[in-house]
Amino acid sequence: MAVVLHVPAADWRAHQRRVQASTPGLVPVAKGNGYGFGLARLAAEAQALGVDTLAVGTGAEVAHVRDAFAGRIVVLQPWRAGEPGAEDLLGDERIIHTVSRVEDLAHLSASDHRPTVLLELLTSMRRHGLAVSELQSVRKVLADSHVDVAGWTVHLPMPAATGSNADEAERLAKSGLAVRQAPVWFSHLTTDDYDRLRATLFIETRLRVGTELWLGGSVRRHTTATVLDVHPVKRGEKVGYWQRSLPADGHIVVVAGGTAHGVALEAPTAATTARQRVISVVNGSAEALGLARSPFTIAGKKRWFVEPPHMQSSMVFVPGSKGIPAIGDQVPVELRLTTATVDEVVLAD
């Protein structure tokens, strides 16, 4: 009895191959919760694609993919001197370390190992990276360095927020190439922009792809949750940890799926359109009144939580007596796969 992600295997893998065919230099990304699939599974999918490099988010995630993927592994979180565990992977020739500060590059250059590094350039994201003004200092460190440079990396904002990232990508890439000729790695470029840059830069390029590779396309994946218990209730009856009174006769349906699965865990949204802002206001008002719509669909409708979800289960209220599921039934649950942890992934033929 669990939360299960159902995926049509043939469609999913056909989509992966289409992305790969349109993306020379593809570097799949498997980080965090593995986009709902789990890191080891995505590493195995990347291995089946035949790519030579896989990207993970942190050094700790390397252990989850190492056995399933035989190629090189890029750690996207910048390497930091002095952090716990920072030195642990330096002797592993399969690992490529991202470097975003001159002092960290200098530290690695003095290492007894000869680590491979990816030099991150600071973009308009303003998250991590070497500013263009620091590149002369980078040149000096590299002049007498004991690191192997895998390339420059340019982590860009979402194209939807900028219209096109091509100009910024090209400008930063050329700034790095003026210091050291090395492959240039990108993220968040449209296929057209990436193709143009490949033709413009006259050097090897790589493109990191996560969401579009694993969650994109028209693949009809869906998630279900098992019904664990069903209880008839009367209007005014108090239920749950917080003993809330029910607004009508109906049923409490207890379903698998709680905070441990990512139920009711939402990342902030941009809310860039008027409609999105109105929806946010309406939802916020409902929550202020003690009402919160759950992601569980029963009898064709999203149902209200009785109270905040528990760790592994949730209690939802279904008014009336029509369409009440039985114990053991599977009901649809809508989860954001980048924040969800499912109990099982079923790849159907």
Protein backbone atom coordinates (compact mmCIF):
# COMPACT_ATOMS: atom_id res chain seq x y z
CA MET A 1 0.00 0.00 0.00
CA ALA A 2 1.91 2.97 -1.28
CA VAL A 3 2.35 6.04 -3.44
CA VAL A 4 3.25 4.79 -6.91
CA LEU A 5 4.58 6.61 -9.96
CA HIS A 6 3.38 4.95 -13.17
CA VAL A 7 5.45 5.56 -16.29
CA PRO A 8 4.99 4.17 -19.82
CA ALA A 9 8.53 2.91 -20.28
CA ALA A 10 8.65 2.86 -24.08
CA ASP A 11 7.31 6.43 -24.39
CA TRP A 12 9.60 7.72 -21.64
CA ARG A 13 12.71 6.22 -23.18
CA ALA A 14 11.72 7.32 -26.68
CA HIS A 15 11.49 10.87 -25.34
CA GLN A 16 14.95 10.55 -23.78
CA ARG A 17 16.37 9.45 -27.12
CA ARG A 18 14.70 12.38 -28.91
CA VAL A 19 16.27 14.82 -26.46
CA GLN A 20 19.63 13.12 -26.90
CA ALA A 21 19.39 13.24 -30.71
CA SER A 22 18.66 16.97 -30.66
CA THR A 23 21.36 17.74 -28.06
CA PRO A 24 24.93 16.96 -29.13
CA GLY A 25 27.07 16.87 -25.99
CA LEU A 26 24.14 16.00 -23.72
CA VAL A 27 24.93 15.72 -20.00
CA PRO A 28 21.94 14.29 -18.11
CA VAL A 29 21.32 15.73 -14.65
CA ALA A 30 20.32 13.46 -11.76
CA LYS A 31 20.15 15.36 -8.49
CA GLY A 32 18.08 15.78 -5.35
CA ASN A 33 15.17 13.35 -5.39
CA GLY A 34 16.03 12.22 -8.92
CA TYR A 35 13.06 14.12 -10.37
CA GLY A 36 10.77 11.68 -8.57
CA PHE A 37 12.42 8.59 -10.08
CA GLY A 38 15.38 8.29 -7.71
CA LEU A 39 19.05 8.91 -8.44
CA ALA A 40 20.07 5.30 -9.07
CA ARG A 41 17.30 4.77 -11.61
CA LEU A 42 18.24 7.91 -13.54
CA ALA A 43 21.90 6.88 -13.49
CA ALA A 44 20.91 3.55 -15.04
CA GLU A 45 18.83 5.35 -17.69
CA ALA A 46 21.80 7.61 -18.49
CA GLN A 47 24.03 4.54 -18.79
CA ALA A 48 21.54 2.98 -21.22
CA LEU A 49 21.61 6.16 -23.32
CA GLY A 50 25.35 5.70 -23.72
CA VAL A 51 26.35 9.20 -22.57
CA ASP A 52 29.84 9.65 -21.17
CA THR A 53 29.03 12.09 -18.36
CA LEU A 54 26.33 12.46 -15.70
CA ALA A 55 25.76 15.47 -13.43
CA VAL A 56 24.71 15.24 -9.78
CA GLY A 57 23.92 18.01 -7.35
CA THR A 58 26.29 17.33 -4.45
CA GLY A 59 29.28 15.21 -3.57
CA ALA A 60 27.11 13.07 -1.30
CA GLU A 61 24.96 12.09 -4.30
CA VAL A 62 27.92 10.48 -6.09
CA ALA A 63 27.51 7.34 -3.97
CA HIS A 64 23.93 6.91 -5.23
CA VAL A 65 24.89 6.87 -8.93
CA ARG A 66 28.43 5.50 -9.01
CA ASP A 67 27.51 1.82 -9.35
CA ALA A 68 24.82 2.37 -12.01
CA PHE A 69 26.82 4.76 -14.20
CA ALA A 70 30.27 3.98 -15.58
CA GLY A 71 31.28 7.36 -16.97
CA ARG A 72 32.44 10.64 -15.49
CA ILE A 73 30.35 12.36 -12.82
CA VAL A 74 30.10 16.13 -12.48
CA VAL A 75 29.29 17.57 -9.06
CA LEU A 76 27.32 20.76 -9.72
CA GLN A 77 27.57 22.25 -6.24
CA PRO A 78 30.79 24.27 -6.18
CA TRP A 79 33.71 22.75 -4.34
CA ARG A 80 34.59 24.60 -1.13
CA ALA A 81 37.88 24.31 0.71
CA GLY A 82 37.41 23.41 4.35
CA GLU A 83 33.89 22.03 4.07
CA PRO A 84 33.33 18.60 5.66
CA GLY A 85 33.98 15.91 3.06
CA ALA A 86 35.44 18.37 0.56
CA GLU A 87 38.64 16.37 0.14
CA ASP A 88 36.99 12.95 -0.05
CA LEU A 89 36.47 12.74 -3.81
CA LEU A 90 39.62 14.50 -4.98
CA GLY A 91 41.45 11.23 -5.62
CA ASP A 92 38.63 9.83 -7.76
CA GLU A 93 39.52 10.28 -11.43
CA ARG A 94 35.89 9.90 -12.49
CA ILE A 95 34.75 13.03 -10.64
CA ILE A 96 34.67 16.54 -12.11
CA HIS A 97 34.52 19.28 -9.47
CA THR A 98 32.80 22.59 -10.12
CA VAL A 99 34.87 25.60 -8.99
CA SER A 100 33.36 29.06 -8.59
CA ARG A 101 35.97 30.97 -6.53
CA VAL A 102 39.58 31.85 -7.21
CA GLU A 103 40.67 30.80 -3.72
CA ASP A 104 39.14 27.34 -4.16
CA LEU A 105 40.88 26.93 -7.50
CA ALA A 106 44.17 27.88 -5.85
CA HIS A 107 43.57 25.35 -3.08
CA LEU A 108 42.88 22.57 -5.58
CA SER A 109 45.94 23.57 -7.58
CA ALA A 110 48.09 22.91 -4.54
CA SER A 111 46.46 19.53 -3.86
CA ASP A 112 48.47 16.33 -3.81
CA HIS A 113 45.91 14.98 -6.26
CA ARG A 114 45.35 16.25 -9.77
CA PRO A 115 41.59 16.90 -9.71
CA THR A 116 39.53 17.68 -12.78
CA VAL A 117 37.62 20.94 -12.53
CA LEU A 118 34.85 22.78 -14.31
CA LEU A 119 35.22 26.56 -13.99
CA GLU A 120 31.85 28.21 -13.36
CA LEU A 121 31.29 31.73 -14.69
CA LEU A 122 29.01 34.14 -12.84
CA THR A 123 25.81 34.76 -14.81
CA SER A 124 22.80 37.01 -14.26
CA MET A 125 21.49 34.21 -12.01
CA ARG A 126 23.91 35.63 -9.41
CA ARG A 127 24.16 32.30 -7.64
CA HIS A 128 27.70 30.94 -7.99
CA GLY A 129 30.55 31.78 -10.30
CA LEU A 130 33.72 33.60 -11.23
CA ALA A 131 33.11 37.18 -12.33
CA VAL A 132 34.66 38.31 -15.60
CA SER A 133 36.75 40.76 -13.57
CA GLU A 134 38.35 37.78 -11.76
CA LEU A 135 39.46 35.93 -14.87
CA GLN A 136 42.95 37.41 -14.93
CA SER A 137 43.45 35.98 -11.43
CA VAL A 138 42.18 32.65 -12.75
CA ARG A 139 44.73 32.87 -15.58
CA LYS A 140 47.54 33.31 -13.06
CA VAL A 141 46.45 30.32 -10.99
CA LEU A 142 46.10 28.11 -14.07
CA ALA A 143 49.55 29.10 -15.32
CA ASP A 144 51.15 27.00 -12.57
CA SER A 145 48.32 24.66 -11.73
CA HIS A 146 47.98 21.00 -10.92
CA VAL A 147 44.37 20.69 -12.06
CA ASP A 148 42.89 19.41 -15.28
CA VAL A 149 40.35 21.82 -16.72
CA ALA A 150 37.29 20.05 -18.13
CA GLY A 151 35.88 23.33 -19.32
CA TRP A 152 33.91 26.45 -18.49
CA THR A 153 30.34 26.21 -17.28
CA VAL A 154 27.61 28.81 -17.73
CA HIS A 155 24.49 28.30 -15.60
CA LEU A 156 21.79 30.56 -17.02
CA PRO A 157 18.32 31.75 -15.97
CA MET A 158 15.27 30.08 -17.46
CA PRO A 159 14.69 31.10 -21.10
CA ALA A 160 11.06 31.82 -20.26
CA ALA A 161 12.25 34.61 -17.95
CA THR A 162 14.66 36.18 -20.42
CA GLY A 163 13.33 35.39 -23.90
CA SER A 164 16.77 34.19 -24.94
CA ASN A 165 19.99 33.47 -23.05
CA ALA A 166 22.14 33.29 -26.16
CA ASP A 167 23.79 36.71 -25.94
CA GLU A 168 24.77 36.32 -22.29
CA ALA A 169 25.95 32.76 -22.90
CA GLU A 170 28.12 33.79 -25.85
CA ARG A 171 29.62 36.79 -24.06
CA LEU A 172 30.59 34.79 -20.98
CA ALA A 173 31.85 31.81 -22.98
CA LYS A 174 34.17 34.04 -25.02
CA SER A 175 35.44 35.69 -21.83
CA GLY A 176 36.41 32.31 -20.45
CA LEU A 177 37.89 31.07 -23.72
CA ALA A 178 40.12 34.14 -23.86
CA VAL A 179 41.76 32.79 -20.68
CA ARG A 180 41.81 29.07 -21.48
CA GLN A 181 40.64 27.16 -24.55
CA ALA A 182 38.42 24.42 -23.14
CA PRO A 183 34.95 22.99 -23.77
CA VAL A 184 32.03 25.17 -22.72
CA TRP A 185 29.16 23.67 -20.74
CA PHE A 186 25.73 25.32 -20.65
CA SER A 187 22.38 24.92 -18.99
CA HIS A 188 18.95 26.41 -19.79
CA LEU A 189 19.41 27.14 -23.46
CA THR A 190 16.78 26.56 -26.12
CA THR A 191 17.70 24.05 -28.82
CA ASP A 192 18.00 26.88 -31.38
CA ASP A 193 20.26 28.98 -29.14
CA TYR A 194 22.42 25.98 -28.32
CA ASP A 195 22.81 25.08 -32.00
CA ARG A 196 23.81 28.65 -32.83
CA LEU A 197 26.39 28.77 -30.06
CA ARG A 198 27.85 25.45 -31.13
CA ALA A 199 28.40 26.92 -34.58
CA THR A 200 29.71 30.23 -33.24
CA LEU A 201 32.22 29.19 -30.60
CA PHE A 202 34.21 26.68 -32.69
CA ILE A 203 34.88 24.52 -29.64
CA GLU A 204 33.33 21.50 -27.97
CA THR A 205 30.09 22.31 -26.17
CA ARG A 206 28.02 20.40 -23.63
CA LEU A 207 24.44 21.01 -22.47
CA ARG A 208 23.18 19.86 -19.08
CA VAL A 209 19.55 18.78 -19.17
CA GLY A 210 17.42 17.58 -16.27
CA THR A 211 13.74 18.49 -16.21
CA GLU A 212 13.19 18.33 -19.96
CA LEU A 213 14.97 14.97 -20.25
CA TRP A 214 13.18 13.19 -17.40
CA LEU A 215 9.86 15.06 -17.09
CA GLY A 216 9.36 16.69 -20.48
CA GLY A 217 7.50 15.73 -23.61
CA SER A 218 4.03 14.22 -23.79
CA VAL A 219 4.79 11.13 -21.69
CA ARG A 220 1.60 10.25 -19.81
CA ARG A 221 3.09 9.51 -16.40
CA HIS A 222 0.78 9.59 -13.39
CA THR A 223 0.85 8.95 -9.65
CA THR A 224 -1.59 6.99 -7.50
CA ALA A 225 -2.08 6.45 -3.78
CA THR A 226 -3.60 3.50 -1.95
CA VAL A 227 -6.76 3.98 0.11
CA LEU A 228 -5.89 2.81 3.61
CA ASP A 229 -9.17 3.33 5.48
CA VAL A 230 -12.69 4.72 4.97
CA HIS A 231 -14.97 5.98 7.77
CA PRO A 232 -18.54 7.35 7.54
CA VAL A 233 -18.98 10.59 9.50
CA LYS A 234 -21.78 12.96 10.45
CA ARG A 235 -22.03 16.72 10.20
CA GLY A 236 -20.48 18.35 13.26
CA GLU A 237 -18.47 15.26 14.22
CA LYS A 238 -14.92 16.05 15.33
CA VAL A 239 -12.06 14.16 13.69
CA GLY A 240 -8.29 14.10 13.31
CA TYR A 241 -5.45 15.17 15.55
CA TRP A 242 -6.95 18.63 15.85
CA GLN A 243 -10.56 17.49 16.28
CA ARG A 244 -12.03 19.72 13.60
CA SER A 245 -15.78 19.69 13.11
CA LEU A 246 -17.01 18.39 9.78
CA PRO A 247 -19.26 20.61 7.65
CA ALA A 248 -21.57 17.85 6.37
CA ASP A 249 -22.29 14.14 6.38
CA GLY A 250 -19.81 12.16 4.35
CA HIS A 251 -16.72 10.01 4.63
CA ILE A 252 -13.17 10.35 5.84
CA VAL A 253 -10.87 8.67 3.35
CA VAL A 254 -7.39 7.89 4.65
CA VAL A 255 -4.90 7.61 1.79
CA ALA A 256 -1.23 6.73 1.54
CA GLY A 257 0.91 9.81 0.95
CA GLY A 258 2.02 12.43 3.44
CA THR A 259 4.75 14.93 4.06
CA ALA A 260 7.40 12.22 3.65
CA HIS A 261 6.21 11.79 0.06
CA GLY A 262 6.10 15.50 -0.66
CA VAL A 263 2.31 15.79 -0.32
CA ALA A 264 1.40 19.45 0.26
CA LEU A 265 5.04 20.41 -0.21
CA GLU A 266 5.13 23.14 -2.82
CA ALA A 267 8.01 25.19 -4.15
CA PRO A 268 7.35 28.92 -4.64
CA THR A 269 5.98 29.81 -8.05
CA ALA A 270 6.79 32.84 -10.14
CA ALA A 271 3.07 33.81 -10.43
CA THR A 272 3.94 36.01 -13.38
CA THR A 273 0.47 36.29 -14.89
CA ALA A 274 -2.63 37.97 -13.48
CA ARG A 275 -4.45 34.63 -13.46
CA GLN A 276 -1.67 32.97 -11.48
CA ARG A 277 -1.71 35.77 -8.93
CA VAL A 278 -5.51 35.51 -8.54
CA ILE A 279 -5.22 31.73 -7.99
CA SER A 280 -2.55 32.32 -5.34
CA VAL A 281 -4.75 34.83 -3.54
CA VAL A 282 -7.79 32.53 -3.64
CA ASN A 283 -5.80 29.55 -2.38
CA GLY A 284 -4.22 31.66 0.33
CA SER A 285 -7.63 32.86 1.47
CA ALA A 286 -8.97 29.31 1.63
CA GLU A 287 -6.01 28.20 3.73
CA ALA A 288 -6.53 31.15 6.07
CA LEU A 289 -10.07 29.87 6.67
CA GLY A 290 -8.74 26.42 7.57
CA LEU A 291 -9.48 24.93 4.16
CA ALA A 292 -6.82 23.37 2.00
CA ARG A 293 -7.48 21.42 -1.16
CA SER A 294 -5.58 18.15 -1.29
CA PRO A 295 -3.87 16.69 -4.38
CA PHE A 296 -6.02 13.54 -4.12
CA THR A 297 -8.83 13.05 -6.65
CA ILE A 298 -11.81 10.99 -5.49
CA ALA A 299 -14.99 10.58 -7.54
CA GLY A 300 -13.65 13.00 -10.13
CA LYS A 301 -12.88 15.90 -7.77
CA LYS A 302 -9.93 17.17 -5.76
CA ARG A 303 -10.93 16.74 -2.12
CA TRP A 304 -10.24 18.88 0.94
CA PHE A 305 -7.75 17.87 3.60
CA VAL A 306 -9.34 17.22 6.98
CA GLU A 307 -6.12 18.56 8.51
CA PRO A 308 -2.50 18.95 7.42
CA PRO A 309 -1.12 15.70 5.97
CA HIS A 310 0.57 13.28 8.33
CA MET A 311 4.01 11.82 7.72
CA GLN A 312 2.97 8.85 5.55
CA SER A 313 -0.78 9.34 5.10
CA SER A 314 -3.44 12.00 4.65
CA MET A 315 -7.06 12.33 5.73
CA VAL A 316 -9.45 13.84 3.20
CA PHE A 317 -13.16 14.54 3.41
CA VAL A 318 -15.63 13.34 0.78
CA PRO A 319 -19.17 14.68 1.31
CA GLY A 320 -22.13 12.39 0.74
CA SER A 321 -22.03 8.71 -0.14
CA LYS A 322 -21.42 8.58 -3.89
CA GLY A 323 -18.13 7.51 -5.39
CA ILE A 324 -16.58 6.46 -2.08
CA PRO A 325 -13.54 4.24 -2.75
CA ALA A 326 -12.89 0.94 -1.00
CA ILE A 327 -9.88 0.06 1.09
CA GLY A 328 -7.10 -0.99 -1.26
CA ASP A 329 -8.32 1.10 -4.19
CA GLN A 330 -5.86 3.37 -5.99
CA VAL A 331 -6.79 7.04 -6.34
CA PRO A 332 -4.98 9.67 -8.41
CA VAL A 333 -2.68 12.02 -6.53
CA GLU A 334 -1.04 15.01 -8.18
CA LEU A 335 2.54 15.47 -7.04
CA ARG A 336 5.27 17.80 -8.14
CA LEU A 337 7.87 15.23 -9.07
CA THR A 338 10.82 17.51 -8.33
CA THR A 339 9.75 17.52 -4.66
CA ALA A 340 8.10 14.09 -4.40
CA THR A 341 9.38 10.83 -2.96
CA VAL A 342 7.34 7.87 -4.15
CA ASP A 343 7.37 4.38 -2.69
CA GLU A 344 7.52 2.64 -6.06
CA VAL A 345 8.13 3.42 -9.71
CA VAL A 346 6.31 1.16 -12.13
CA LEU A 347 7.64 1.17 -15.68
CA ALA A 348 4.87 -0.30 -17.79
CA ASP A 349 5.41 -1.82 -21.23
